[in-house]
Every structure is written in C-alpha cells, then in structure tokens.
Amino acid sequence: MSGRRIGWLVGLLVVQLLLFVALLAGRGGFREPDNEPLLVFATDSVDGLEITEGSAEPLRLALTDGRWTLPSGAPADSAKIEDVLNKLADLRAPWPVATSAAARARFEVADDNRQRHVRLLAGERAVAELYLGTSPGFRRLHARVPGQDAVYEVDLTHFQLSAAADEWLDRGLLQAAGEVTAIAREGAWRLARSDAGWMLDDGAADTGAAEQMASRFTNLRVLGLVPDDAAPAETRATFLVTDANGTHRLTLGVGATENEYELTSDRFPGRFRLAAFLAEQLLVEADALLPNAEPADAALDAGADRAADLAE
C-alpha cells in the first residue's frame, strides 16, 4: 500500500474521531457524574419511618419524646434507626442503570410493583420516599425515587430496611437499669445486697451465684415480640427486680411447647420471646444460691457463652 493511501486513511480516521468527540460533547457525553444525594432531607426533621413490603400493611416506627417506638409502643432500637437515616441521607448513585417503564417493572421498583416502599415522615408529611427492588449483587439494590424515571443501583440491603417489627425491636429493653440491688422470685427466695454482701432471705448467699443471677437480669436480651393472637402463656415464675429506677416485675411464662418462653414487664407493654436457655438460667432454686452449693446444671453453664453472644 502506497504511503499516500496510508496517509489518506489516517486522515480519515482522525476526522471520524473528531466527529465522534464533537457528537459526545454535544450530547453531554463528557459531563461529570451527578454525585448529589439521591434523597434530600434533614435527618433531624424525621419523626416517622414507614416501610411497606409488597401489598402488606406498612410498619411504622415513630419518634415520640425523643424515643423511637414500634406500633405496639415497645421501644425500638434508636441507634439502628439513626444509622439507617444517616445512610439514606448519604445515598449516592451518579449514573442511572435504566430509565424505561419496562426496566422499572423488571427491577421491581415500579409504582404498582415494588418490593419495598420506604417513607420518611415529618408528622404526616413525607419528606423523602424510595422504592427498593431486586438485588444486582452483594449489598446492592435497585432503587427509584417515586415520580422519577431513573432507576439506580445503591448500597443497601432489604435486611437494613426490614418490614418486620422484630428487626427493629430494642432487644435489651427488659434489662435492669444500672446496678441490681435485689431480686425476688415470688414464693421461692429473695436476694438482696447488704453491707455484709449478698443475703439470701435471712442468711448469707453465695457471692458468685448471686452476682451471676444479678448479671442475668442486667444483660437480659429478648428474641422478639410474641404475636398478638398467640395463646396466653402459663406462668412459670415472677421476679421482682430492684435497680436504679426502682422495682419492676418480670413474669416468665411458657407457651404451647416447653421451648416457647416469654417475658412480660410492668415497665413496657407487650409480650416478648425469650431463648429457652436464658429462661432456664432464670429458673434457679434457692439451694443453688446458698454458700458451698453444688455447681449449677451443666446445661446452664453451657448457656452462659450463648448469653454473652446475645448481649453483643
């Protein structure tokens, strides 16, 4: 091939490249990506978080007197909610992955077909909304702001915005406040701190066993809520626990099977599911609290590690 022909072809290629560059520039092809927040709201203005899964009834969490609560009135995990609000406020998605109606349906973020609908409320007014749909990868979801065409891929999971009340419950709500100074199992025994140490009824208690019993109430964690339509539990024990806020009553019950334990408290409404091994650790007889008592049941000792895991 002659040098003249090669030069002509190179010149033609340069012209094509220049035309391509001009076309992209004319269409905004060299714009900086839009890195503005996907949702624009002030986190301190939000006093309600509403999450709807599919066509189910929405779960609404409310901020009242500085405390987040579940619909039942039970305390919610305020730290978790604040983390979620901060994450939503900081969502960035510079490039849409799709804009068509077909894509919105396929990614399940359409008005009439979405997996989750999240509403952030100030009173009854929605200050921000988001549809969440399918997951394109680990810790990623398709998302769309209602009223907009663009579908984005964002750093979120459905677990972080669950529509199940149990996932938002403050699992430590029944823990004793501050130091425990007395515990009484009605009709069985009473432990109390004194200047001479722990006392069991009118005599001395085993210090280690008494401290361990107190720590079980200090570190108490529940599994979740008992459904409203569940049959009443059979009472197994009632405890009066005295802490920094006074004395409160905890009632331990068992459900239809031996492993279905629950707790109620006169400090909070509702019935709360309790792990069987934790329930068994509370059902201690007076003999196990006496000095030089025989070691506790091996199953209770094995459960101590699991109790520590729940407390984390």
C-alpha atoms as a PDB file:
ATOM      1  CA  MET A   1       0.000   0.000   0.000  1.00  0.00           C
ATOM      2  CA  SER A   2       1.409   3.379  -1.004  1.00  0.00           C
ATOM      3  CA  GLY A   3       2.376   5.967   1.563  1.00  0.00           C
ATOM      4  CA  ARG A   4      -0.127   8.386   0.058  1.00  0.00           C
ATOM      5  CA  ARG A   5      -3.014   5.928   0.606  1.00  0.00           C
ATOM      6  CA  ILE A   6      -1.921   5.245   4.177  1.00  0.00           C
ATOM      7  CA  GLY A   7      -1.831   8.983   4.893  1.00  0.00           C
ATOM      8  CA  TRP A   8      -5.306   9.376   3.435  1.00  0.00           C
ATOM      9  CA  LEU A   9      -6.698   6.604   5.639  1.00  0.00           C
ATOM     10  CA  VAL A  10      -5.051   8.047   8.749  1.00  0.00           C
ATOM     11  CA  GLY A  11      -6.526  11.454   7.962  1.00  0.00           C
ATOM     12  CA  LEU A  12      -9.967   9.902   7.519  1.00  0.00           C
ATOM     13  CA  LEU A  13      -9.666   8.162  10.899  1.00  0.00           C
ATOM     14  CA  VAL A  14      -8.712  11.428  12.591  1.00  0.00           C
ATOM     15  CA  VAL A  15     -11.732  13.172  11.081  1.00  0.00           C
ATOM     16  CA  GLN A  16     -14.026  10.369  12.297  1.00  0.00           C
ATOM     17  CA  LEU A  17     -12.596  10.598  15.791  1.00  0.00           C
ATOM     18  CA  LEU A  18     -13.093  14.360  15.858  1.00  0.00           C
ATOM     19  CA  LEU A  19     -16.693  13.954  14.710  1.00  0.00           C
ATOM     20  CA  PHE A  20     -17.305  11.315  17.430  1.00  0.00           C
ATOM     21  CA  VAL A  21     -15.838  13.589  20.106  1.00  0.00           C
ATOM     22  CA  ALA A  22     -17.967  16.510  18.921  1.00  0.00           C
ATOM     23  CA  LEU A  23     -21.081  14.321  18.957  1.00  0.00           C
ATOM     24  CA  LEU A  24     -20.437  13.154  22.521  1.00  0.00           C
ATOM     25  CA  ALA A  25     -19.773  16.666  23.721  1.00  0.00           C
ATOM     26  CA  GLY A  26     -22.953  17.902  22.068  1.00  0.00           C
ATOM     27  CA  ARG A  27     -24.965  15.204  23.886  1.00  0.00           C
ATOM     28  CA  GLY A  28     -23.333  15.850  27.218  1.00  0.00           C
ATOM     29  CA  GLY A  29     -21.233  12.695  26.965  1.00  0.00           C
ATOM     30  CA  PHE A  30     -18.395  14.258  28.917  1.00  0.00           C
ATOM     31  CA  ARG A  31     -20.478  15.537  31.853  1.00  0.00           C
ATOM     32  CA  GLU A  32     -19.179  14.920  35.312  1.00  0.00           C
ATOM     33  CA  PRO A  33     -21.335  12.283  37.014  1.00  0.00           C
ATOM     34  CA  ASP A  34     -24.125  13.678  39.180  1.00  0.00           C
ATOM     35  CA  ASN A  35     -22.947  12.932  42.724  1.00  0.00           C
ATOM     36  CA  GLU A  36     -25.730  14.745  44.556  1.00  0.00           C
ATOM     37  CA  PRO A  37     -27.635  12.818  47.278  1.00  0.00           C
ATOM     38  CA  LEU A  38     -30.381  10.615  45.898  1.00  0.00           C
ATOM     39  CA  LEU A  39     -32.717  11.772  48.691  1.00  0.00           C
ATOM     40  CA  VAL A  40     -32.734  15.330  50.011  1.00  0.00           C
ATOM     41  CA  PHE A  41     -33.975  15.641  53.604  1.00  0.00           C
ATOM     42  CA  ALA A  42     -32.770  16.685  57.050  1.00  0.00           C
ATOM     43  CA  THR A  43     -32.361  13.696  59.346  1.00  0.00           C
ATOM     44  CA  ASP A  44     -33.344  15.739  62.408  1.00  0.00           C
ATOM     45  CA  SER A  45     -36.701  16.571  60.801  1.00  0.00           C
ATOM     46  CA  VAL A  46     -37.746  12.920  60.549  1.00  0.00           C
ATOM     47  CA  ASP A  47     -40.034  11.601  63.284  1.00  0.00           C
ATOM     48  CA  GLY A  48     -41.518   8.655  61.412  1.00  0.00           C
ATOM     49  CA  LEU A  49     -40.166   5.770  59.344  1.00  0.00           C
ATOM     50  CA  GLU A  50     -42.693   3.751  57.363  1.00  0.00           C
ATOM     51  CA  ILE A  51     -41.743   0.574  55.483  1.00  0.00           C
ATOM     52  CA  THR A  52     -44.160  -1.380  53.301  1.00  0.00           C
ATOM     53  CA  GLU A  53     -43.320  -4.761  51.831  1.00  0.00           C
ATOM     54  CA  GLY A  54     -45.308  -5.510  48.687  1.00  0.00           C
ATOM     55  CA  SER A  55     -49.010  -5.036  49.362  1.00  0.00           C
ATOM     56  CA  ALA A  56     -48.797  -5.771  53.116  1.00  0.00           C
ATOM     57  CA  GLU A  57     -49.730  -3.314  55.841  1.00  0.00           C
ATOM     58  CA  PRO A  58     -46.925  -0.805  56.463  1.00  0.00           C
ATOM     59  CA  LEU A  59     -44.712  -0.967  59.522  1.00  0.00           C
ATOM     60  CA  ARG A  60     -44.471   2.477  61.096  1.00  0.00           C
ATOM     61  CA  LEU A  61     -41.800   3.463  63.600  1.00  0.00           C
ATOM     62  CA  ALA A  62     -42.411   6.708  65.468  1.00  0.00           C
ATOM     63  CA  LEU A  63     -40.207   9.141  67.365  1.00  0.00           C
ATOM     64  CA  THR A  64     -42.045  10.342  70.484  1.00  0.00           C
ATOM     65  CA  ASP A  65     -40.488  12.361  73.308  1.00  0.00           C
ATOM     66  CA  GLY A  66     -37.017  11.600  71.964  1.00  0.00           C
ATOM     67  CA  ARG A  67     -37.562   7.834  71.768  1.00  0.00           C
ATOM     68  CA  TRP A  68     -38.315   5.604  68.778  1.00  0.00           C
ATOM     69  CA  THR A  69     -41.097   3.099  69.315  1.00  0.00           C
ATOM     70  CA  LEU A  70     -42.788   0.230  67.486  1.00  0.00           C
ATOM     71  CA  PRO A  71     -46.524   0.263  66.691  1.00  0.00           C
ATOM     72  CA  SER A  72     -47.103  -1.745  69.900  1.00  0.00           C
ATOM     73  CA  GLY A  73     -45.481   1.021  71.951  1.00  0.00           C
ATOM     74  CA  ALA A  74     -42.409  -1.102  72.734  1.00  0.00           C
ATOM     75  CA  PRO A  75     -39.032   0.642  72.412  1.00  0.00           C
ATOM     76  CA  ALA A  76     -37.296   0.377  69.056  1.00  0.00           C
ATOM     77  CA  ASP A  77     -33.544   0.264  68.509  1.00  0.00           C
ATOM     78  CA  SER A  78     -32.902   4.003  68.190  1.00  0.00           C
ATOM     79  CA  ALA A  79     -29.229   3.591  67.240  1.00  0.00           C
ATOM     80  CA  LYS A  80     -30.167   1.303  64.338  1.00  0.00           C
ATOM     81  CA  ILE A  81     -32.818   3.732  63.092  1.00  0.00           C
ATOM     82  CA  GLU A  82     -30.437   6.683  63.269  1.00  0.00           C
ATOM     83  CA  ASP A  83     -27.818   4.694  61.328  1.00  0.00           C
ATOM     84  CA  VAL A  84     -30.382   3.895  58.623  1.00  0.00           C
ATOM     85  CA  LEU A  85     -31.500   7.532  58.361  1.00  0.00           C
ATOM     86  CA  ASN A  86     -27.890   8.680  58.003  1.00  0.00           C
ATOM     87  CA  LYS A  87     -27.257   6.056  55.344  1.00  0.00           C
ATOM     88  CA  LEU A  88     -30.340   7.115  53.373  1.00  0.00           C
ATOM     89  CA  ALA A  89     -29.302  10.765  53.614  1.00  0.00           C
ATOM     90  CA  ASP A  90     -25.875   9.883  52.223  1.00  0.00           C
ATOM     91  CA  LEU A  91     -27.023   7.655  49.338  1.00  0.00           C
ATOM     92  CA  ARG A  92     -25.189   8.464  46.120  1.00  0.00           C
ATOM     93  CA  ALA A  93     -25.921   6.978  42.704  1.00  0.00           C
ATOM     94  CA  PRO A  94     -24.255   9.076  39.965  1.00  0.00           C
ATOM     95  CA  TRP A  95     -25.396   7.053  36.950  1.00  0.00           C
ATOM     96  CA  PRO A  96     -28.887   5.587  36.378  1.00  0.00           C
ATOM     97  CA  VAL A  97     -28.864   1.984  35.204  1.00  0.00           C
ATOM     98  CA  ALA A  98     -32.185   2.378  33.372  1.00  0.00           C
ATOM     99  CA  THR A  99     -34.995   4.853  32.717  1.00  0.00           C
ATOM    100  CA  SER A 100     -37.677   2.881  30.853  1.00  0.00           C
ATOM    101  CA  ALA A 101     -41.016   1.662  32.203  1.00  0.00           C
ATOM    102  CA  ALA A 102     -40.049  -1.896  31.250  1.00  0.00           C
ATOM    103  CA  ALA A 103     -36.880  -1.665  33.357  1.00  0.00           C
ATOM    104  CA  ARG A 104     -38.787  -0.273  36.338  1.00  0.00           C
ATOM    105  CA  ALA A 105     -41.079  -3.307  36.206  1.00  0.00           C
ATOM    106  CA  ARG A 106     -38.202  -5.744  35.669  1.00  0.00           C
ATOM    107  CA  PHE A 107     -36.222  -4.345  38.611  1.00  0.00           C
ATOM    108  CA  GLU A 108     -39.415  -4.251  40.752  1.00  0.00           C
ATOM    109  CA  VAL A 109     -39.323  -0.538  41.511  1.00  0.00           C
ATOM    110  CA  ALA A 110     -42.468   0.441  39.586  1.00  0.00           C
ATOM    111  CA  ASP A 111     -45.363   2.283  41.229  1.00  0.00           C
ATOM    112  CA  ASP A 112     -47.522  -0.848  41.073  1.00  0.00           C
ATOM    113  CA  ASN A 113     -44.731  -3.390  41.515  1.00  0.00           C
ATOM    114  CA  ARG A 114     -42.052  -2.705  44.108  1.00  0.00           C
ATOM    115  CA  GLN A 115     -40.526  -4.893  46.780  1.00  0.00           C
ATOM    116  CA  ARG A 116     -40.231  -2.156  49.441  1.00  0.00           C
ATOM    117  CA  HIS A 117     -41.640   1.328  49.788  1.00  0.00           C
ATOM    118  CA  VAL A 118     -39.783   3.485  52.318  1.00  0.00           C
ATOM    119  CA  ARG A 119     -41.286   6.762  53.523  1.00  0.00           C
ATOM    120  CA  LEU A 120     -39.550   9.226  55.837  1.00  0.00           C
ATOM    121  CA  LEU A 121     -42.097  11.351  57.660  1.00  0.00           C
ATOM    122  CA  ALA A 122     -42.300  14.646  59.487  1.00  0.00           C
ATOM    123  CA  GLY A 123     -45.677  14.357  61.142  1.00  0.00           C
ATOM    124  CA  GLU A 124     -47.935  13.018  58.384  1.00  0.00           C
ATOM    125  CA  ARG A 125     -45.908  14.627  55.577  1.00  0.00           C
ATOM    126  CA  ALA A 126     -43.436  12.522  53.589  1.00  0.00           C
ATOM    127  CA  VAL A 127     -40.110  14.362  53.361  1.00  0.00           C
ATOM    128  CA  ALA A 128     -38.499  11.596  51.270  1.00  0.00           C
ATOM    129  CA  GLU A 129     -39.555   8.337  49.630  1.00  0.00           C
ATOM    130  CA  LEU A 130     -37.760   5.458  47.957  1.00  0.00           C
ATOM    131  CA  TYR A 131     -38.753   2.270  46.158  1.00  0.00           C
ATOM    132  CA  LEU A 132     -36.428  -0.711  46.646  1.00  0.00           C
ATOM    133  CA  GLY A 133     -36.430  -3.673  44.295  1.00  0.00           C
ATOM    134  CA  THR A 134     -34.219  -6.512  43.092  1.00  0.00           C
ATOM    135  CA  SER A 135     -30.618  -7.093  44.121  1.00  0.00           C
ATOM    136  CA  PRO A 136     -27.990  -6.988  41.357  1.00  0.00           C
ATOM    137  CA  GLY A 137     -25.209  -8.086  43.710  1.00  0.00           C
ATOM    138  CA  PHE A 138     -23.931  -8.348  47.265  1.00  0.00           C
ATOM    139  CA  ARG A 139     -25.258  -5.496  49.426  1.00  0.00           C
ATOM    140  CA  ARG A 140     -26.729  -3.780  46.351  1.00  0.00           C
ATOM    141  CA  LEU A 141     -30.332  -2.954  45.477  1.00  0.00           C
ATOM    142  CA  HIS A 142     -32.129  -1.338  42.596  1.00  0.00           C
ATOM    143  CA  ALA A 143     -33.867   1.825  43.780  1.00  0.00           C
ATOM    144  CA  ARG A 144     -36.059   4.587  42.394  1.00  0.00           C
ATOM    145  CA  VAL A 145     -37.409   7.825  43.782  1.00  0.00           C
ATOM    146  CA  PRO A 146     -41.204   7.906  43.194  1.00  0.00           C
ATOM    147  CA  GLY A 147     -42.116  10.347  40.426  1.00  0.00           C
ATOM    148  CA  GLN A 148     -38.778   9.952  38.656  1.00  0.00           C
ATOM    149  CA  ASP A 149     -37.937   7.674  35.727  1.00  0.00           C
ATOM    150  CA  ALA A 150     -34.341   6.823  36.631  1.00  0.00           C
ATOM    151  CA  VAL A 151     -33.503   3.505  38.296  1.00  0.00           C
ATOM    152  CA  TYR A 152     -30.282   3.419  40.297  1.00  0.00           C
ATOM    153  CA  GLU A 153     -28.098   0.782  41.911  1.00  0.00           C
ATOM    154  CA  VAL A 154     -27.454   1.696  45.555  1.00  0.00           C
ATOM    155  CA  ASP A 155     -25.519   0.387  48.546  1.00  0.00           C
ATOM    156  CA  LEU A 156     -28.411  -1.025  50.593  1.00  0.00           C
ATOM    157  CA  THR A 157     -29.939  -4.356  51.627  1.00  0.00           C
ATOM    158  CA  HIS A 158     -33.520  -5.360  52.321  1.00  0.00           C
ATOM    159  CA  PHE A 159     -32.432  -6.508  55.782  1.00  0.00           C
ATOM    160  CA  GLN A 160     -31.417  -2.937  56.636  1.00  0.00           C
ATOM    161  CA  LEU A 161     -34.966  -1.797  55.843  1.00  0.00           C
ATOM    162  CA  SER A 162     -36.958  -4.781  57.030  1.00  0.00           C
ATOM    163  CA  ALA A 163     -40.739  -4.577  57.323  1.00  0.00           C
ATOM    164  CA  ALA A 164     -40.684  -6.985  60.308  1.00  0.00           C
ATOM    165  CA  ALA A 165     -41.174  -5.351  63.711  1.00  0.00           C
ATOM    166  CA  ASP A 166     -38.797  -7.821  65.415  1.00  0.00           C
ATOM    167  CA  GLU A 167     -35.880  -6.491  63.381  1.00  0.00           C
ATOM    168  CA  TRP A 168     -36.355  -3.004  64.873  1.00  0.00           C
ATOM    169  CA  LEU A 169     -37.073  -4.012  68.469  1.00  0.00           C
ATOM    170  CA  ASP A 170     -34.680  -2.869  71.190  1.00  0.00           C
ATOM    171  CA  ARG A 171     -33.754  -6.379  72.312  1.00  0.00           C
ATOM    172  CA  GLY A 172     -32.279  -5.079  75.564  1.00  0.00           C
ATOM    173  CA  LEU A 173     -35.454  -3.282  76.637  1.00  0.00           C
ATOM    174  CA  LEU A 174     -36.047  -5.572  79.640  1.00  0.00           C
ATOM    175  CA  GLN A 175     -32.528  -5.224  81.033  1.00  0.00           C
ATOM    176  CA  ALA A 176     -32.187  -3.879  84.544  1.00  0.00           C
ATOM    177  CA  ALA A 177     -31.181  -0.207  84.724  1.00  0.00           C
ATOM    178  CA  GLY A 178     -27.847   0.246  86.477  1.00  0.00           C
ATOM    179  CA  GLU A 179     -26.866  -1.897  89.434  1.00  0.00           C
ATOM    180  CA  VAL A 180     -29.240  -4.624  90.624  1.00  0.00           C
ATOM    181  CA  THR A 181     -29.637  -4.407  94.398  1.00  0.00           C
ATOM    182  CA  ALA A 182     -32.325  -7.031  94.974  1.00  0.00           C
ATOM    183  CA  ILE A 183     -34.041  -9.909  93.171  1.00  0.00           C
ATOM    184  CA  ALA A 184     -37.010 -11.839  94.471  1.00  0.00           C
ATOM    185  CA  ARG A 185     -38.594 -14.895  92.909  1.00  0.00           C
ATOM    186  CA  GLU A 186     -42.098 -14.749  94.306  1.00  0.00           C
ATOM    187  CA  GLY A 187     -42.887 -17.661  96.594  1.00  0.00           C
ATOM    188  CA  ALA A 188     -39.336 -19.036  96.425  1.00  0.00           C
ATOM    189  CA  TRP A 189     -36.452 -16.779  97.520  1.00  0.00           C
ATOM    190  CA  ARG A 190     -35.125 -13.228  97.808  1.00  0.00           C
ATOM    191  CA  LEU A 191     -31.599 -11.973  97.137  1.00  0.00           C
ATOM    192  CA  ALA A 192     -30.503  -8.552  98.412  1.00  0.00           C
ATOM    193  CA  ARG A 193     -27.219  -6.664  98.595  1.00  0.00           C
ATOM    194  CA  SER A 194     -26.136  -5.560 102.073  1.00  0.00           C
ATOM    195  CA  ASP A 195     -23.038  -4.120 103.694  1.00  0.00           C
ATOM    196  CA  ALA A 196     -22.079  -7.695 104.540  1.00  0.00           C
ATOM    197  CA  GLY A 197     -22.558  -8.898 100.965  1.00  0.00           C
ATOM    198  CA  TRP A 198     -25.387 -10.704  99.244  1.00  0.00           C
ATOM    199  CA  MET A 199     -28.109 -12.106 101.510  1.00  0.00           C
ATOM    200  CA  LEU A 200     -30.480 -14.951 100.636  1.00  0.00           C
ATOM    201  CA  ASP A 201     -33.668 -14.484 102.639  1.00  0.00           C
ATOM    202  CA  ASP A 202     -32.324 -14.233 106.222  1.00  0.00           C
ATOM    203  CA  GLY A 203     -28.897 -15.777 105.655  1.00  0.00           C
ATOM    204  CA  ALA A 204     -25.780 -15.355 103.563  1.00  0.00           C
ATOM    205  CA  ALA A 205     -25.845 -16.139  99.867  1.00  0.00           C
ATOM    206  CA  ASP A 206     -23.056 -17.460  97.696  1.00  0.00           C
ATOM    207  CA  THR A 207     -21.440 -14.294  96.304  1.00  0.00           C
ATOM    208  CA  GLY A 208     -20.578 -15.759  92.925  1.00  0.00           C
ATOM    209  CA  ALA A 209     -24.008 -17.283  92.400  1.00  0.00           C
ATOM    210  CA  ALA A 210     -25.745 -14.060  93.484  1.00  0.00           C
ATOM    211  CA  GLU A 211     -23.618 -11.891  91.181  1.00  0.00           C
ATOM    212  CA  GLN A 212     -24.267 -14.285  88.317  1.00  0.00           C
ATOM    213  CA  MET A 213     -28.012 -14.091  88.941  1.00  0.00           C
ATOM    214  CA  ALA A 214     -27.888 -10.284  89.001  1.00  0.00           C
ATOM    215  CA  SER A 215     -25.907 -10.222  85.736  1.00  0.00           C
ATOM    216  CA  ARG A 216     -28.587 -12.329  84.033  1.00  0.00           C
ATOM    217  CA  PHE A 217     -31.076  -9.525  84.578  1.00  0.00           C
ATOM    218  CA  THR A 218     -28.538  -6.806  83.727  1.00  0.00           C
ATOM    219  CA  ASN A 219     -27.693  -8.482  80.390  1.00  0.00           C
ATOM    220  CA  LEU A 220     -31.166  -9.784  79.577  1.00  0.00           C
ATOM    221  CA  ARG A 221     -31.990  -9.797  75.850  1.00  0.00           C
ATOM    222  CA  VAL A 222     -35.179 -10.934  74.180  1.00  0.00           C
ATOM    223  CA  LEU A 223     -35.620 -12.524  70.756  1.00  0.00           C
ATOM    224  CA  GLY A 224     -38.653 -10.585  69.585  1.00  0.00           C
ATOM    225  CA  LEU A 225     -42.357  -9.964  70.040  1.00  0.00           C
ATOM    226  CA  VAL A 226     -44.994 -12.593  70.760  1.00  0.00           C
ATOM    227  CA  PRO A 227     -47.767 -12.385  68.130  1.00  0.00           C
ATOM    228  CA  ASP A 228     -50.909 -10.644  69.352  1.00  0.00           C
ATOM    229  CA  ASP A 229     -53.044 -13.699  68.568  1.00  0.00           C
ATOM    230  CA  ALA A 230     -50.806 -16.171  70.455  1.00  0.00           C
ATOM    231  CA  ALA A 231     -52.451 -18.173  73.235  1.00  0.00           C
ATOM    232  CA  PRO A 232     -51.775 -16.991  76.797  1.00  0.00           C
ATOM    233  CA  ALA A 233     -48.622 -18.427  78.338  1.00  0.00           C
ATOM    234  CA  GLU A 234     -48.548 -20.455  81.526  1.00  0.00           C
ATOM    235  CA  THR A 235     -46.690 -18.563  84.261  1.00  0.00           C
ATOM    236  CA  ARG A 236     -43.566 -20.330  85.465  1.00  0.00           C
ATOM    237  CA  ALA A 237     -42.065 -17.634  87.702  1.00  0.00           C
ATOM    238  CA  THR A 238     -42.471 -13.991  88.680  1.00  0.00           C
ATOM    239  CA  PHE A 239     -39.466 -11.853  89.604  1.00  0.00           C
ATOM    240  CA  LEU A 240     -39.276  -8.509  91.395  1.00  0.00           C
ATOM    241  CA  VAL A 241     -36.037  -6.821  90.338  1.00  0.00           C
ATOM    242  CA  THR A 242     -34.775  -3.683  92.086  1.00  0.00           C
ATOM    243  CA  ASP A 243     -32.412  -1.465  90.110  1.00  0.00           C
ATOM    244  CA  ALA A 244     -31.509   2.214  89.736  1.00  0.00           C
ATOM    245  CA  ASN A 245     -35.059   3.028  88.597  1.00  0.00           C
ATOM    246  CA  GLY A 246     -36.875   1.186  91.387  1.00  0.00           C
ATOM    247  CA  THR A 247     -38.542  -2.209  91.495  1.00  0.00           C
ATOM    248  CA  HIS A 248     -40.180  -3.775  88.449  1.00  0.00           C
ATOM    249  CA  ARG A 249     -41.987  -7.043  87.873  1.00  0.00           C
ATOM    250  CA  LEU A 250     -40.996  -9.590  85.238  1.00  0.00           C
ATOM    251  CA  THR A 251     -43.225 -12.587  84.569  1.00  0.00           C
ATOM    252  CA  LEU A 252     -41.737 -15.640  82.855  1.00  0.00           C
ATOM    253  CA  GLY A 253     -44.181 -17.862  81.031  1.00  0.00           C
ATOM    254  CA  VAL A 254     -44.072 -20.920  78.811  1.00  0.00           C
ATOM    255  CA  GLY A 255     -46.123 -21.359  75.659  1.00  0.00           C
ATOM    256  CA  ALA A 256     -47.658 -24.381  73.977  1.00  0.00           C
ATOM    257  CA  THR A 257     -44.336 -26.270  73.966  1.00  0.00           C
ATOM    258  CA  GLU A 258     -41.616 -26.427  76.575  1.00  0.00           C
ATOM    259  CA  ASN A 259     -39.187 -24.368  74.489  1.00  0.00           C
ATOM    260  CA  GLU A 260     -41.510 -21.404  73.867  1.00  0.00           C
ATOM    261  CA  TYR A 261     -40.712 -18.989  76.686  1.00  0.00           C
ATOM    262  CA  GLU A 262     -41.832 -15.396  77.006  1.00  0.00           C
ATOM    263  CA  LEU A 263     -41.426 -12.455  79.357  1.00  0.00           C
ATOM    264  CA  THR A 264     -43.723  -9.592  80.277  1.00  0.00           C
ATOM    265  CA  SER A 265     -42.751  -6.494  82.220  1.00  0.00           C
ATOM    266  CA  ASP A 266     -44.742  -3.845  84.066  1.00  0.00           C
ATOM    267  CA  ARG A 267     -42.402  -1.234  82.516  1.00  0.00           C
ATOM    268  CA  PHE A 268     -43.319  -1.920  78.889  1.00  0.00           C
ATOM    269  CA  PRO A 269     -46.389  -3.145  77.009  1.00  0.00           C
ATOM    270  CA  GLY A 270     -46.313  -6.397  75.096  1.00  0.00           C
ATOM    271  CA  ARG A 271     -45.085  -9.976  75.400  1.00  0.00           C
ATOM    272  CA  PHE A 272     -41.524 -10.835  74.403  1.00  0.00           C
ATOM    273  CA  ARG A 273     -39.986 -14.103  73.227  1.00  0.00           C
ATOM    274  CA  LEU A 274     -37.069 -15.391  75.276  1.00  0.00           C
ATOM    275  CA  ALA A 275     -34.474 -18.034  74.361  1.00  0.00           C
ATOM    276  CA  ALA A 276     -35.061 -21.285  76.228  1.00  0.00           C
ATOM    277  CA  PHE A 277     -31.521 -21.424  77.650  1.00  0.00           C
ATOM    278  CA  LEU A 278     -31.927 -17.910  79.107  1.00  0.00           C
ATOM    279  CA  ALA A 279     -35.277 -18.833  80.641  1.00  0.00           C
ATOM    280  CA  GLU A 280     -33.712 -21.921  82.241  1.00  0.00           C
ATOM    281  CA  GLN A 281     -30.934 -19.780  83.709  1.00  0.00           C
ATOM    282  CA  LEU A 282     -33.537 -17.662  85.498  1.00  0.00           C
ATOM    283  CA  LEU A 283     -35.401 -20.666  86.932  1.00  0.00           C
ATOM    284  CA  VAL A 284     -32.909 -21.154  89.764  1.00  0.00           C
ATOM    285  CA  GLU A 285     -33.952 -22.752  93.042  1.00  0.00           C
ATOM    286  CA  ALA A 286     -32.848 -21.342  96.420  1.00  0.00           C
ATOM    287  CA  ASP A 287     -30.433 -24.228  97.060  1.00  0.00           C
ATOM    288  CA  ALA A 288     -28.286 -23.138  94.088  1.00  0.00           C
ATOM    289  CA  LEU A 289     -27.779 -19.708  95.711  1.00  0.00           C
ATOM    290  CA  LEU A 290     -26.504 -20.981  99.067  1.00  0.00           C
ATOM    291  CA  PRO A 291     -22.811 -20.890 100.015  1.00  0.00           C
ATOM    292  CA  ASN A 292     -20.964 -24.075  99.001  1.00  0.00           C
ATOM    293  CA  ALA A 293     -23.886 -25.054  96.789  1.00  0.00           C
ATOM    294  CA  GLU A 294     -23.397 -27.786  94.236  1.00  0.00           C
ATOM    295  CA  PRO A 295     -22.417 -26.488  90.765  1.00  0.00           C
ATOM    296  CA  ALA A 296     -25.342 -25.406  88.604  1.00  0.00           C
ATOM    297  CA  ASP A 297     -26.743 -27.681  85.974  1.00  0.00           C
ATOM    298  CA  ALA A 298     -24.201 -28.191  83.163  1.00  0.00           C
ATOM    299  CA  ALA A 299     -26.713 -27.022  80.600  1.00  0.00           C
ATOM    300  CA  LEU A 300     -26.940 -23.661  82.343  1.00  0.00           C
ATOM    301  CA  ASP A 301     -23.163 -23.299  82.351  1.00  0.00           C
ATOM    302  CA  ALA A 302     -23.013 -24.100  78.649  1.00  0.00           C
ATOM    303  CA  GLY A 303     -25.677 -21.480  78.053  1.00  0.00           C
ATOM    304  CA  ALA A 304     -23.548 -18.729  79.598  1.00  0.00           C
ATOM    305  CA  ASP A 305     -21.469 -18.393  76.441  1.00  0.00           C
ATOM    306  CA  ARG A 306     -24.622 -18.133  74.337  1.00  0.00           C
ATOM    307  CA  ALA A 307     -25.976 -15.455  76.671  1.00  0.00           C
ATOM    308  CA  ALA A 308     -22.794 -13.464  76.150  1.00  0.00           C
ATOM    309  CA  ASP A 309     -23.217 -13.803  72.392  1.00  0.00           C
ATOM    310  CA  LEU A 310     -26.768 -12.404  72.582  1.00  0.00           C
ATOM    311  CA  ALA A 311     -25.550  -9.477  74.680  1.00  0.00           C
ATOM    312  CA  GLU A 312     -23.151  -8.329  71.930  1.00  0.00           C
END
